[in-house]
Structure formats: structure tokens, C-alpha cells
Amino acid sequence: MHRMRRALFESYVRNFIFGVEDSLVSTVGLVSGIALAGVASRTVILTGLVLIIVEAFSMAAGSFLSERSGEEFVMQKSVPPMHAIIASLIMFFSYLVSGLIPLAPYVLIEAEGVATLVSVVVTLAALGALGVVASRLSHTASAYRAIQMVVVGGAAILLGVVVGTFVGI
């Protein structure tokens, strides 16, 4: 029973970390790239919202299907969907809420260049905080996990910025 609870908790933590990280990185990469391509702030906000909502649902659906498949593989029989539903809801809400972090500066700051810079900085800080949370949950080194999150996420952000800059030229 303890092993089963641990496996469920592990799944929920994995979905939370994955949802937050993917949302932060995908959203800031997209909105930064779009903003640096020179489109209007309203378009950046609309594009960001569409991405966040569609991807939150898509990631939740993928989580549901993969969690259910994984459980059935381990059990070698059909299992009730409750765990997969909970995991997918964790994925959905962690993605949805986290995506608003990099999008908020475009709503709150009129100067697009400043909004982009603030969005990237706030997102990198959120990734660092996520690394600390992940390390606390796994009882590993906080600084290492925070740096790992910032570097890996930062690479994806850089890709969005580079593509947006070159396409916008």
C-alpha cells in the first residue's frame, strides 16, 4: 500500500513539474519570439492565451492517456481511470496557471521591449523556484536543480528569441 501511494505521489509530482516547466518555457519562447518579430502587443497576448489554453488541454489529455496506459501496463489489466484523471488535472492546471507568468508582462507593460525582457527574467526566476521546489520534494541539492532548470529552460527560451528575431527581420 505504501508503495502504491508513493507511486501515485510520484506521478502527481512529475505531472506538476512537467506542466509548470513546459508551460513556462513554451509560453515565454513563443511570446518572446512573436514580440521580437515586431507584431502588436495585442497579437502577442492573443497568441499566448491560445497557446496556454490549447496546450494545457493537450498536455492534460496526453497525461491522462499515458498515465492510464502506464498503469495498465504495470497491472496487466484494465484499471479505473481515477488516478489518470487526477494526474491530468494536475497537468492541466499547472500548465494553465504557469503560462500566465510569462504572458503577464505583456498585459501589464505597454513597452514591448521592456515586456519581453521582464517576461524572460520573471520566467527564468520561476524556473529557478521550480528547481528549488523539485529539489525539496526529491531531497536533492537545491542549487543544482535550480541551475539545471534555468539552463535547460533558458536554452529553449533562447531558441524562441533567436527564431523570432531572425524571422522578424
Foldseek 3Di string as FASTA:
>chain_A
DVVVVVVLVVLLLVLLLVLLLCLLLVLLLQLLLQVLLPDALVVSLVVLLVCLQVVLLVSLVVQQVVVQVVVCVVVVHHDDSPSSNSSSVSSSVSNNVNNVQLSVLSVVPRPSVVSSVNSLVSSLVVQLVSQQVVCVVVVHDSVVSSVVSSVVSVVSSVVSNVNSNVNSD
